């Protein structure tokens, strides 16, 4: 209750003009900012922007990194698998060459 009485006193102490502004507010015009203040204000706005969007950016970077990693791992696995199959095919080819050199096994020459 005392808060309301104090607020009512503050309102009655400051006389308002026809536009609803107090005498103090109309007498002080906003001062132009110095170049240092404008740079500081711009820097604070950039910092606020990065704070707001850093979590979203971090999650996008994580998804991109995992996608690239999965692609690289798949390509590496495919390459190793295909090289291993080439070795097996070379072994089969070597066995086939020795089989052809010895000749077919038939009932007559076994």
PDB file of N, CA and C in Angstrom:
ATOM      1  N   UNK A   1       0.810  -1.186   0.000  1.00  0.00           N
ATOM      2  CA  UNK A   1       0.000   0.000   0.000  1.00  0.00           C
ATOM      3  C   UNK A   1       0.860   1.259   0.000  1.00  0.00           C
ATOM      4  N   UNK A   2       1.946   1.199   0.753  1.00  0.00           N
ATOM      5  CA  UNK A   2       2.844   2.347   0.807  1.00  0.00           C
ATOM      6  C   UNK A   2       3.458   2.595  -0.573  1.00  0.00           C
ATOM      7  N   UNK A   3       3.658   1.513  -1.334  1.00  0.00           N
ATOM      8  CA  UNK A   3       4.204   1.637  -2.685  1.00  0.00           C
ATOM      9  C   UNK A   3       3.266   2.462  -3.565  1.00  0.00           C
ATOM     10  N   UNK A   4       1.978   2.221  -3.470  1.00  0.00           N
ATOM     11  CA  UNK A   4       1.005   2.954  -4.279  1.00  0.00           C
ATOM     12  C   UNK A   4       0.947   4.422  -3.884  1.00  0.00           C
ATOM     13  N   UNK A   5       1.060   4.695  -2.614  1.00  0.00           N
ATOM     14  CA  UNK A   5       1.039   6.085  -2.161  1.00  0.00           C
ATOM     15  C   UNK A   5       2.274   6.815  -2.665  1.00  0.00           C
ATOM     16  N   UNK A   6       3.434   6.130  -2.614  1.00  0.00           N
ATOM     17  CA  UNK A   6       4.664   6.746  -3.113  1.00  0.00           C
ATOM     18  C   UNK A   6       4.596   6.991  -4.610  1.00  0.00           C
ATOM     19  N   UNK A   7       3.992   6.059  -5.376  1.00  0.00           N
ATOM     20  CA  UNK A   7       3.859   6.238  -6.809  1.00  0.00           C
ATOM     21  C   UNK A   7       2.922   7.394  -7.120  1.00  0.00           C
ATOM     22  N   UNK A   8       1.867   7.562  -6.332  1.00  0.00           N
ATOM     23  CA  UNK A   8       0.932   8.670  -6.540  1.00  0.00           C
ATOM     24  C   UNK A   8       1.616   9.998  -6.257  1.00  0.00           C
ATOM     25  N   UNK A   9       2.480  10.060  -5.269  1.00  0.00           N
ATOM     26  CA  UNK A   9       3.213  11.295  -4.959  1.00  0.00           C
ATOM     27  C   UNK A   9       4.139  11.657  -6.111  1.00  0.00           C
ATOM     28  N   UNK A  10       4.803  10.627  -6.685  1.00  0.00           N
ATOM     29  CA  UNK A  10       5.709  10.898  -7.808  1.00  0.00           C
ATOM     30  C   UNK A  10       4.961  11.468  -8.993  1.00  0.00           C
ATOM     31  N   UNK A  11       3.767  11.002  -9.240  1.00  0.00           N
ATOM     32  CA  UNK A  11       2.982  11.489 -10.365  1.00  0.00           C
ATOM     33  C   UNK A  11       2.554  12.928 -10.120  1.00  0.00           C
ATOM     34  N   UNK A  12       2.162  13.240  -8.909  1.00  0.00           N
ATOM     35  CA  UNK A  12       1.705  14.607  -8.625  1.00  0.00           C
ATOM     36  C   UNK A  12       2.856  15.578  -8.546  1.00  0.00           C
ATOM     37  N   UNK A  13       4.060  15.113  -8.205  1.00  0.00           N
ATOM     38  CA  UNK A  13       5.199  16.015  -8.108  1.00  0.00           C
ATOM     39  C   UNK A  13       5.666  16.481  -9.475  1.00  0.00           C
ATOM     40  N   UNK A  14       5.591  15.626 -10.500  1.00  0.00           N
ATOM     41  CA  UNK A  14       6.029  15.986 -11.841  1.00  0.00           C
ATOM     42  C   UNK A  14       4.828  16.463 -12.634  1.00  0.00           C
ATOM     43  N   UNK A  15       4.815  17.723 -12.937  1.00  0.00           N
ATOM     44  CA  UNK A  15       3.728  18.281 -13.730  1.00  0.00           C
ATOM     45  C   UNK A  15       3.905  17.865 -15.183  1.00  0.00           C
ATOM     46  N   UNK A  16       2.819  17.558 -15.843  1.00  0.00           N
ATOM     47  CA  UNK A  16       2.879  17.178 -17.245  1.00  0.00           C
ATOM     48  C   UNK A  16       2.310  18.301 -18.090  1.00  0.00           C
ATOM     49  N   UNK A  17       2.804  18.413 -19.314  1.00  0.00           N
ATOM     50  CA  UNK A  17       2.279  19.422 -20.225  1.00  0.00           C
ATOM     51  C   UNK A  17       1.172  18.812 -21.059  1.00  0.00           C
ATOM     52  N   UNK A  18       0.718  19.489 -22.067  1.00  0.00           N
ATOM     53  CA  UNK A  18      -0.427  19.052 -22.858  1.00  0.00           C
ATOM     54  C   UNK A  18      -0.140  17.767 -23.641  1.00  0.00           C
ATOM     55  N   UNK A  19       1.106  17.505 -23.991  1.00  0.00           N
ATOM     56  CA  UNK A  19       1.463  16.331 -24.783  1.00  0.00           C
ATOM     57  C   UNK A  19       1.692  15.105 -23.911  1.00  0.00           C
ATOM     58  N   UNK A  20       1.613  15.227 -22.620  1.00  0.00           N
ATOM     59  CA  UNK A  20       1.808  14.097 -21.728  1.00  0.00           C
ATOM     60  C   UNK A  20       3.256  13.897 -21.330  1.00  0.00           C
ATOM     61  N   UNK A  21       4.115  14.865 -21.678  1.00  0.00           N
ATOM     62  CA  UNK A  21       5.530  14.751 -21.325  1.00  0.00           C
ATOM     63  C   UNK A  21       5.803  15.580 -20.087  1.00  0.00           C
ATOM     64  N   UNK A  22       6.736  15.109 -19.290  1.00  0.00           N
ATOM     65  CA  UNK A  22       7.121  15.880 -18.113  1.00  0.00           C
ATOM     66  C   UNK A  22       8.059  16.987 -18.527  1.00  0.00           C
ATOM     67  N   UNK A  23       8.260  17.933 -17.634  1.00  0.00           N
ATOM     68  CA  UNK A  23       9.149  19.054 -17.913  1.00  0.00           C
ATOM     69  C   UNK A  23      10.573  18.562 -18.126  1.00  0.00           C
ATOM     70  N   UNK A  24      10.984  17.553 -17.331  1.00  0.00           N
ATOM     71  CA  UNK A  24      12.355  17.046 -17.427  1.00  0.00           C
ATOM     72  C   UNK A  24      12.596  16.349 -18.758  1.00  0.00           C
ATOM     73  N   UNK A  25      11.632  15.585 -19.244  1.00  0.00           N
ATOM     74  CA  UNK A  25      11.810  14.820 -20.471  1.00  0.00           C
ATOM     75  C   UNK A  25      11.854  15.727 -21.689  1.00  0.00           C
ATOM     76  N   UNK A  26      11.077  16.799 -21.691  1.00  0.00           N
ATOM     77  CA  UNK A  26      11.066  17.665 -22.864  1.00  0.00           C
ATOM     78  C   UNK A  26      12.295  18.550 -22.918  1.00  0.00           C
ATOM     79  N   UNK A  27      12.909  18.822 -21.781  1.00  0.00           N
ATOM     80  CA  UNK A  27      14.063  19.709 -21.770  1.00  0.00           C
ATOM     81  C   UNK A  27      15.339  18.993 -22.192  1.00  0.00           C
ATOM     82  N   UNK A  28      15.384  17.669 -22.063  1.00  0.00           N
ATOM     83  CA  UNK A  28      16.594  16.932 -22.449  1.00  0.00           C
ATOM     84  C   UNK A  28      16.356  16.258 -23.791  1.00  0.00           C
ATOM     85  N   UNK A  29      17.027  16.744 -24.797  1.00  0.00           N
ATOM     86  CA  UNK A  29      16.939  16.144 -26.126  1.00  0.00           C
ATOM     87  C   UNK A  29      18.004  15.057 -26.221  1.00  0.00           C
ATOM     88  N   UNK A  30      17.748  14.005 -27.023  1.00  0.00           N
ATOM     89  CA  UNK A  30      18.764  12.951 -27.142  1.00  0.00           C
ATOM     90  C   UNK A  30      20.034  13.494 -27.800  1.00  0.00           C
ATOM     91  N   UNK A  31      21.141  13.136 -27.220  1.00  0.00           N
ATOM     92  CA  UNK A  31      22.429  13.597 -27.734  1.00  0.00           C
ATOM     93  C   UNK A  31      22.895  12.637 -28.823  1.00  0.00           C
ATOM     94  N   UNK A  32      23.550  13.149 -29.856  1.00  0.00           N
ATOM     95  CA  UNK A  32      24.077  12.245 -30.887  1.00  0.00           C
ATOM     96  C   UNK A  32      25.212  11.395 -30.316  1.00  0.00           C
ATOM     97  N   UNK A  33      25.288  10.163 -30.798  1.00  0.00           N
ATOM     98  CA  UNK A  33      26.309   9.238 -30.305  1.00  0.00           C
ATOM     99  C   UNK A  33      27.654   9.547 -30.943  1.00  0.00           C
ATOM    100  N   UNK A  34      28.709   9.337 -30.181  1.00  0.00           N
ATOM    101  CA  UNK A  34      30.052   9.500 -30.721  1.00  0.00           C
ATOM    102  C   UNK A  34      30.384   8.276 -31.572  1.00  0.00           C
ATOM    103  N   UNK A  35      31.376   8.370 -32.440  1.00  0.00           N
ATOM    104  CA  UNK A  35      31.751   7.197 -33.258  1.00  0.00           C
ATOM    105  C   UNK A  35      32.141   5.983 -32.416  1.00  0.00           C
ATOM    106  N   UNK A  36      32.782   6.215 -31.286  1.00  0.00           N
ATOM    107  CA  UNK A  36      33.157   5.093 -30.412  1.00  0.00           C
ATOM    108  C   UNK A  36      31.911   4.423 -29.836  1.00  0.00           C
ATOM    109  N   UNK A  37      30.921   5.222 -29.473  1.00  0.00           N
ATOM    110  CA  UNK A  37      29.685   4.660 -28.934  1.00  0.00           C
ATOM    111  C   UNK A  37      28.914   3.877 -30.003  1.00  0.00           C
ATOM    112  N   UNK A  38      28.906   4.379 -31.234  1.00  0.00           N
ATOM    113  CA  UNK A  38      28.210   3.648 -32.304  1.00  0.00           C
ATOM    114  C   UNK A  38      28.906   2.323 -32.591  1.00  0.00           C
ATOM    115  N   UNK A  39      30.249   2.328 -32.579  1.00  0.00           N
ATOM    116  CA  UNK A  39      30.989   1.069 -32.789  1.00  0.00           C
ATOM    117  C   UNK A  39      30.698   0.084 -31.669  1.00  0.00           C
ATOM    118  N   UNK A  40      30.663   0.576 -30.436  1.00  0.00           N
ATOM    119  CA  UNK A  40      30.364  -0.281 -29.291  1.00  0.00           C
ATOM    120  C   UNK A  40      28.955  -0.848 -29.388  1.00  0.00           C
ATOM    121  N   UNK A  41      27.998  -0.006 -29.767  1.00  0.00           N
ATOM    122  CA  UNK A  41      26.617  -0.456 -29.912  1.00  0.00           C
ATOM    123  C   UNK A  41      26.499  -1.519 -31.008  1.00  0.00           C
ATOM    124  N   UNK A  42      27.177  -1.286 -32.128  1.00  0.00           N
ATOM    125  CA  UNK A  42      27.155  -2.264 -33.227  1.00  0.00           C
ATOM    126  C   UNK A  42      27.800  -3.576 -32.800  1.00  0.00           C
ATOM    127  N   UNK A  43      28.900  -3.491 -32.076  1.00  0.00           N
ATOM    128  CA  UNK A  43      29.589  -4.694 -31.601  1.00  0.00           C
ATOM    129  C   UNK A  43      28.705  -5.476 -30.629  1.00  0.00           C
ATOM    130  N   UNK A  44      27.983  -4.777 -29.756  1.00  0.00           N
ATOM    131  CA  UNK A  44      27.086  -5.451 -28.822  1.00  0.00           C
ATOM    132  C   UNK A  44      25.934  -6.132 -29.557  1.00  0.00           C
ATOM    133  N   UNK A  45      25.432  -5.492 -30.608  1.00  0.00           N
ATOM    134  CA  UNK A  45      24.364  -6.100 -31.397  1.00  0.00           C
ATOM    135  C   UNK A  45      24.861  -7.357 -32.105  1.00  0.00           C
ATOM    136  N   UNK A  46      26.092  -7.313 -32.654  1.00  0.00           N
ATOM    137  CA  UNK A  46      26.664  -8.502 -33.299  1.00  0.00           C
ATOM    138  C   UNK A  46      26.854  -9.628 -32.293  1.00  0.00           C
ATOM    139  N   UNK A  47      27.318  -9.286 -31.103  1.00  0.00           N
ATOM    140  CA  UNK A  47      27.528 -10.292 -30.059  1.00  0.00           C
ATOM    141  C   UNK A  47      26.200 -10.931 -29.645  1.00  0.00           C
ATOM    142  N   UNK A  48      25.163 -10.123 -29.503  1.00  0.00           N
ATOM    143  CA  UNK A  48      23.840 -10.663 -29.177  1.00  0.00           C
ATOM    144  C   UNK A  48      23.340 -11.591 -30.277  1.00  0.00           C
ATOM    145  N   UNK A  49      23.587 -11.199 -31.539  1.00  0.00           N
ATOM    146  CA  UNK A  49      23.173 -12.044 -32.671  1.00  0.00           C
ATOM    147  C   UNK A  49      23.869 -13.398 -32.615  1.00  0.00           C
ATOM    148  N   UNK A  50      25.183 -13.402 -32.375  1.00  0.00           N
ATOM    149  CA  UNK A  50      25.925 -14.665 -32.327  1.00  0.00           C
ATOM    150  C   UNK A  50      25.501 -15.503 -31.129  1.00  0.00           C
ATOM    151  N   UNK A  51      25.183 -14.887 -30.028  1.00  0.00           N
ATOM    152  CA  UNK A  51      24.714 -15.645 -28.861  1.00  0.00           C
ATOM    153  C   UNK A  51      23.385 -16.328 -29.160  1.00  0.00           C
ATOM    154  N   UNK A  52      22.502 -15.632 -29.870  1.00  0.00           N
ATOM    155  CA  UNK A  52      21.184 -16.207 -30.177  1.00  0.00           C
ATOM    156  C   UNK A  52      21.290 -17.367 -31.155  1.00  0.00           C
ATOM    157  N   UNK A  53      22.137 -17.268 -32.159  1.00  0.00           N
ATOM    158  CA  UNK A  53      22.165 -18.259 -33.231  1.00  0.00           C
ATOM    159  C   UNK A  53      23.309 -19.275 -33.132  1.00  0.00           C
ATOM    160  N   UNK A  54      24.107 -19.212 -32.066  1.00  0.00           N
ATOM    161  CA  UNK A  54      25.248 -20.124 -31.958  1.00  0.00           C
ATOM    162  C   UNK A  54      24.804 -21.577 -31.759  1.00  0.00           C
ATOM    163  N   UNK A  55      23.748 -21.804 -31.002  1.00  0.00           N
ATOM    164  CA  UNK A  55      23.287 -23.176 -30.769  1.00  0.00           C
ATOM    165  C   UNK A  55      22.768 -23.801 -32.064  1.00  0.00           C
ATOM    166  N   UNK A  56      22.013 -23.039 -32.830  1.00  0.00           N
ATOM    167  CA  UNK A  56      21.500 -23.531 -34.107  1.00  0.00           C
ATOM    168  C   UNK A  56      22.654 -23.794 -35.073  1.00  0.00           C
ATOM    169  N   UNK A  57      23.632 -22.905 -35.095  1.00  0.00           N
ATOM    170  CA  UNK A  57      24.778 -23.071 -35.979  1.00  0.00           C
ATOM    171  C   UNK A  57      25.602 -24.293 -35.573  1.00  0.00           C
ATOM    172  N   UNK A  58      25.756 -24.490 -34.277  1.00  0.00           N
ATOM    173  CA  UNK A  58      26.532 -25.635 -33.782  1.00  0.00           C
ATOM    174  C   UNK A  58      25.871 -26.954 -34.182  1.00  0.00           C
ATOM    175  N   UNK A  59      24.550 -27.024 -34.084  1.00  0.00           N
ATOM    176  CA  UNK A  59      23.855 -28.266 -34.451  1.00  0.00           C
ATOM    177  C   UNK A  59      23.951 -28.516 -35.955  1.00  0.00           C
ATOM    178  N   UNK A  60      23.864 -27.471 -36.754  1.00  0.00           N
ATOM    179  CA  UNK A  60      24.020 -27.649 -38.203  1.00  0.00           C
ATOM    180  C   UNK A  60      25.424 -28.124 -38.551  1.00  0.00           C
ATOM    181  N   UNK A  61      26.425 -27.547 -37.883  1.00  0.00           N
ATOM    182  CA  UNK A  61      27.804 -27.974 -38.141  1.00  0.00           C
ATOM    183  C   UNK A  61      28.011 -29.427 -37.724  1.00  0.00           C
ATOM    184  N   UNK A  62      27.389 -29.847 -36.627  1.00  0.00           N
ATOM    185  CA  UNK A  62      27.509 -31.235 -36.177  1.00  0.00           C
ATOM    186  C   UNK A  62      26.896 -32.188 -37.194  1.00  0.00           C
ATOM    187  N   UNK A  63      25.728 -31.846 -37.693  1.00  0.00           N
ATOM    188  CA  UNK A  63      25.064 -32.692 -38.697  1.00  0.00           C
ATOM    189  C   UNK A  63      25.912 -32.770 -39.968  1.00  0.00           C
ATOM    190  N   UNK A  64      26.441 -31.638 -40.399  1.00  0.00           N
ATOM    191  CA  UNK A  64      27.285 -31.619 -41.603  1.00  0.00           C
ATOM    192  C   UNK A  64      28.537 -32.460 -41.391  1.00  0.00           C
ATOM    193  N   UNK A  65      29.173 -32.324 -40.234  1.00  0.00           N
ATOM    194  CA  UNK A  65      30.385 -33.097 -39.944  1.00  0.00           C
ATOM    195  C   UNK A  65      30.125 -34.593 -39.910  1.00  0.00           C
ATOM    196  N   UNK A  66      29.015 -34.980 -39.289  1.00  0.00           N
ATOM    197  CA  UNK A  66      28.686 -36.409 -39.240  1.00  0.00           C
ATOM    198  C   UNK A  66      28.363 -36.955 -40.626  1.00  0.00           C
ATOM    199  N   UNK A  67      27.707 -36.163 -41.461  1.00  0.00           N
ATOM    200  CA  UNK A  67      27.392 -36.592 -42.824  1.00  0.00           C
ATOM    201  C   UNK A  67      28.664 -36.784 -43.640  1.00  0.00           C
ATOM    202  N   UNK A  68      29.570 -35.834 -43.564  1.00  0.00           N
ATOM    203  CA  UNK A  68      30.833 -35.943 -44.302  1.00  0.00           C
ATOM    204  C   UNK A  68      31.638 -37.134 -43.781  1.00  0.00           C
ATOM    205  N   UNK A  69      31.666 -37.314 -42.454  1.00  0.00           N
ATOM    206  CA  UNK A  69      32.393 -38.441 -41.869  1.00  0.00           C
ATOM    207  C   UNK A  69      31.827 -39.781 -42.311  1.00  0.00           C
ATOM    208  N   UNK A  70      30.503 -39.890 -42.354  1.00  0.00           N
ATOM    209  CA  UNK A  70      29.873 -41.141 -42.797  1.00  0.00           C
ATOM    210  C   UNK A  70      30.196 -41.412 -44.267  1.00  0.00           C
ATOM    211  N   UNK A  71      30.198 -40.370 -45.081  1.00  0.00           N
ATOM    212  CA  UNK A  71      30.534 -40.541 -46.497  1.00  0.00           C
ATOM    213  C   UNK A  71      31.976 -41.014 -46.667  1.00  0.00           C
ATOM    214  N   UNK A  72      32.890 -40.400 -45.943  1.00  0.00           N
ATOM    215  CA  UNK A  72      34.309 -40.778 -46.041  1.00  0.00           C
ATOM    216  C   UNK A  72      34.505 -42.210 -45.551  1.00  0.00           C
ATOM    217  N   UNK A  73      33.878 -42.573 -44.448  1.00  0.00           N
ATOM    218  CA  UNK A  73      33.997 -43.929 -43.924  1.00  0.00           C
ATOM    219  C   UNK A  73      33.431 -44.956 -44.907  1.00  0.00           C
ATOM    220  N   UNK A  74      32.291 -44.649 -45.507  1.00  0.00           N
ATOM    221  CA  UNK A  74      31.704 -45.550 -46.502  1.00  0.00           C
ATOM    222  C   UNK A  74      32.579 -45.703 -47.722  1.00  0.00           C
ATOM    223  N   UNK A  75      33.142 -44.598 -48.199  1.00  0.00           N
ATOM    224  CA  UNK A  75      34.030 -44.653 -49.368  1.00  0.00           C
ATOM    225  C   UNK A  75      35.296 -45.452 -49.061  1.00  0.00           C
ATOM    226  N   UNK A  76      35.855 -45.256 -47.871  1.00  0.00           N
ATOM    227  CA  UNK A  76      37.044 -46.005 -47.468  1.00  0.00           C
ATOM    228  C   UNK A  76      36.737 -47.495 -47.377  1.00  0.00           C
ATOM    229  N   UNK A  77      35.604 -47.831 -46.760  1.00  0.00           N
ATOM    230  CA  UNK A  77      35.225 -49.248 -46.638  1.00  0.00           C
ATOM    231  C   UNK A  77      35.004 -49.883 -48.001  1.00  0.00           C
ATOM    232  N   UNK A  78      34.340 -49.171 -48.891  1.00  0.00           N
ATOM    233  CA  UNK A  78      34.103 -49.688 -50.230  1.00  0.00           C
ATOM    234  C   UNK A  78      35.429 -49.926 -50.961  1.00  0.00           C
ATOM    235  N   UNK A  79      36.360 -48.989 -50.809  1.00  0.00           N
ATOM    236  CA  UNK A  79      37.660 -49.134 -51.473  1.00  0.00           C
ATOM    237  C   UNK A  79      38.414 -50.346 -50.939  1.00  0.00           C
ATOM    238  N   UNK A  80      38.460 -50.505 -49.635  1.00  0.00           N
ATOM    239  CA  UNK A  80      39.157 -51.650 -49.040  1.00  0.00           C
ATOM    240  C   UNK A  80      38.494 -52.951 -49.485  1.00  0.00           C
ATOM    241  N   UNK A  81      37.181 -53.003 -49.508  1.00  0.00           N
ATOM    242  CA  UNK A  81      36.463 -54.202 -49.920  1.00  0.00           C
ATOM    243  C   UNK A  81      36.744 -54.547 -51.380  1.00  0.00           C
ATOM    244  N   UNK A  82      36.772 -53.540 -52.240  1.00  0.00           N
ATOM    245  CA  UNK A  82      37.020 -53.816 -53.659  1.00  0.00           C
ATOM    246  C   UNK A  82      38.462 -54.266 -53.899  1.00  0.00           C
ATOM    247  N   UNK A  83      39.419 -53.722 -53.157  1.00  0.00           N
ATOM    248  CA  UNK A  83      40.811 -54.165 -53.294  1.00  0.00           C
ATOM    249  C   UNK A  83      40.943 -55.600 -52.813  1.00  0.00           C
ATOM    250  N   UNK A  84      40.274 -55.941 -51.738  1.00  0.00           N
ATOM    251  CA  UNK A  84      40.320 -57.310 -51.226  1.00  0.00           C
ATOM    252  C   UNK A  84      39.736 -58.286 -52.253  1.00  0.00           C
ATOM    253  N   UNK A  85      38.645 -57.882 -52.915  1.00  0.00           N
ATOM    254  CA  UNK A  85      38.057 -58.737 -53.938  1.00  0.00           C
ATOM    255  C   UNK A  85      38.985 -58.890 -55.131  1.00  0.00           C
ATOM    256  N   UNK A  86      39.739 -57.857 -55.461  1.00  0.00           N
ATOM    257  CA  UNK A  86      40.706 -57.974 -56.562  1.00  0.00           C
ATOM    258  C   UNK A  86      41.784 -58.989 -56.224  1.00  0.00           C
ATOM    259  N   UNK A  87      42.223 -59.026 -54.977  1.00  0.00           N
ATOM    260  CA  UNK A  87      43.223 -60.012 -54.575  1.00  0.00           C
ATOM    261  C   UNK A  87      42.653 -61.423 -54.710  1.00  0.00           C
ATOM    262  N   UNK A  88      41.413 -61.597 -54.306  1.00  0.00           N
ATOM    263  CA  UNK A  88      40.782 -62.910 -54.419  1.00  0.00           C
ATOM    264  C   UNK A  88      40.664 -63.308 -55.879  1.00  0.00           C
ATOM    265  N   UNK A  89      40.290 -62.347 -56.725  1.00  0.00           N
ATOM    266  CA  UNK A  89      40.170 -62.638 -58.161  1.00  0.00           C
ATOM    267  C   UNK A  89      41.539 -62.978 -58.749  1.00  0.00           C
ATOM    268  N   UNK A  90      42.604 -62.293 -58.285  1.00  0.00           N
ATOM    269  CA  UNK A  90      43.949 -62.628 -58.758  1.00  0.00           C
ATOM    270  C   UNK A  90      44.327 -64.050 -58.355  1.00  0.00           C
ATOM    271  N   UNK A  91      43.970 -64.452 -57.137  1.00  0.00           N
ATOM    272  CA  UNK A  91      44.270 -65.814 -56.692  1.00  0.00           C
ATOM    273  C   UNK A  91      43.494 -66.835 -57.526  1.00  0.00           C
ATOM    274  N   UNK A  92      42.245 -66.533 -57.806  1.00  0.00           N
ATOM    275  CA  UNK A  92      41.440 -67.441 -58.634  1.00  0.00           C
ATOM    276  C   UNK A  92      42.030 -67.527 -60.034  1.00  0.00           C
ATOM    277  N   UNK A  93      42.481 -66.376 -60.569  1.00  0.00           N
ATOM    278  CA  UNK A  93      43.100 -66.377 -61.896  1.00  0.00           C
ATOM    279  C   UNK A  93      44.389 -67.200 -61.902  1.00  0.00           C
ATOM    280  N   UNK A  94      45.190 -67.096 -60.850  1.00  0.00           N
ATOM    281  CA  UNK A  94      46.424 -67.885 -60.768  1.00  0.00           C
ATOM    282  C   UNK A  94      46.106 -69.378 -60.716  1.00  0.00           C
ATOM    283  N   UNK A  95      45.084 -69.766 -59.961  1.00  0.00           N
ATOM    284  CA  UNK A  95      44.683 -71.172 -59.893  1.00  0.00           C
ATOM    285  C   UNK A  95      44.191 -71.655 -61.255  1.00  0.00           C
ATOM    286  N   UNK A  96      43.462 -70.783 -61.944  1.00  0.00           N
ATOM    287  CA  UNK A  96      42.959 -71.156 -63.272  1.00  0.00           C
ATOM    288  C   UNK A  96      44.121 -71.334 -64.246  1.00  0.00           C
ATOM    289  N   UNK A  97      45.136 -70.474 -64.165  1.00  0.00           N
ATOM    290  CA  UNK A  97      46.287 -70.599 -65.068  1.00  0.00           C
ATOM    291  C   UNK A  97      47.039 -71.899 -64.812  1.00  0.00           C
ATOM    292  N   UNK A  98      47.239 -72.249 -63.547  1.00  0.00           N
ATOM    293  CA  UNK A  98      47.938 -73.506 -63.260  1.00  0.00           C
ATOM    294  C   UNK A  98      47.104 -74.700 -63.701  1.00  0.00           C
ATOM    295  N   UNK A  99      45.786 -74.595 -63.575  1.00  0.00           N
ATOM    296  CA  UNK A  99      44.905 -75.670 -64.015  1.00  0.00           C
ATOM    297  C   UNK A  99      45.001 -75.848 -65.522  1.00  0.00           C
ATOM    298  N   UNK A 100      45.056 -74.727 -66.263  1.00  0.00           N
ATOM    299  CA  UNK A 100      45.146 -74.801 -67.722  1.00  0.00           C
ATOM    300  C   UNK A 100      46.509 -75.351 -68.127  1.00  0.00           C
ATOM    301  N   UNK A 101      47.572 -74.990 -67.418  1.00  0.00           N
ATOM    302  CA  UNK A 101      48.912 -75.463 -67.751  1.00  0.00           C
ATOM    303  C   UNK A 101      49.036 -76.975 -67.517  1.00  0.00           C
ATOM    304  N   UNK A 102      48.423 -77.467 -66.459  1.00  0.00           N
ATOM    305  CA  UNK A 102      48.493 -78.897 -66.192  1.00  0.00           C
ATOM    306  C   UNK A 102      47.597 -79.684 -67.121  1.00  0.00           C
ATOM    307  N   UNK A 103      46.557 -79.039 -67.607  1.00  0.00           N
ATOM    308  CA  UNK A 103      45.635 -79.726 -68.479  1.00  0.00           C
ATOM    309  C   UNK A 103      44.452 -80.271 -67.702  1.00  0.00           C
ATOM    310  N   UNK A 104      43.428 -80.597 -68.405  1.00  0.00           N
ATOM    311  CA  UNK A 104      42.239 -81.093 -67.710  1.00  0.00           C
ATOM    312  C   UNK A 104      42.466 -82.498 -67.156  1.00  0.00           C
ATOM    313  N   UNK A 105      41.820 -82.808 -66.097  1.00  0.00           N
ATOM    314  CA  UNK A 105      41.925 -84.138 -65.513  1.00  0.00           C
ATOM    315  C   UNK A 105      40.771 -84.969 -66.050  1.00  0.00           C
ATOM    316  N   UNK A 106      41.123 -85.948 -66.753  1.00  0.00           N
ATOM    317  CA  UNK A 106      40.125 -86.864 -67.275  1.00  0.00           C
ATOM    318  C   UNK A 106      40.434 -88.250 -66.743  1.00  0.00           C
ATOM    319  N   UNK A 107      39.576 -89.144 -67.025  1.00  0.00           N
ATOM    320  CA  UNK A 107      39.782 -90.532 -66.566  1.00  0.00           C
ATOM    321  C   UNK A 107      40.998 -91.161 -67.209  1.00  0.00           C
ATOM    322  N   UNK A 108      41.427 -90.715 -68.407  1.00  0.00           N
ATOM    323  CA  UNK A 108      42.538 -91.324 -69.105  1.00  0.00           C
ATOM    324  C   UNK A 108      43.875 -90.905 -68.547  1.00  0.00           C
ATOM    325  N   UNK A 109      43.982 -89.629 -68.082  1.00  0.00           N
ATOM    326  CA  UNK A 109      45.302 -89.180 -67.626  1.00  0.00           C
ATOM    327  C   UNK A 109      45.382 -89.026 -66.104  1.00  0.00           C
ATOM    328  N   UNK A 110      44.456 -89.483 -65.351  1.00  0.00           N
ATOM    329  CA  UNK A 110      44.568 -89.336 -63.898  1.00  0.00           C
ATOM    330  C   UNK A 110      45.220 -90.496 -63.259  1.00  0.00           C
TER     331      UNK A 110
END
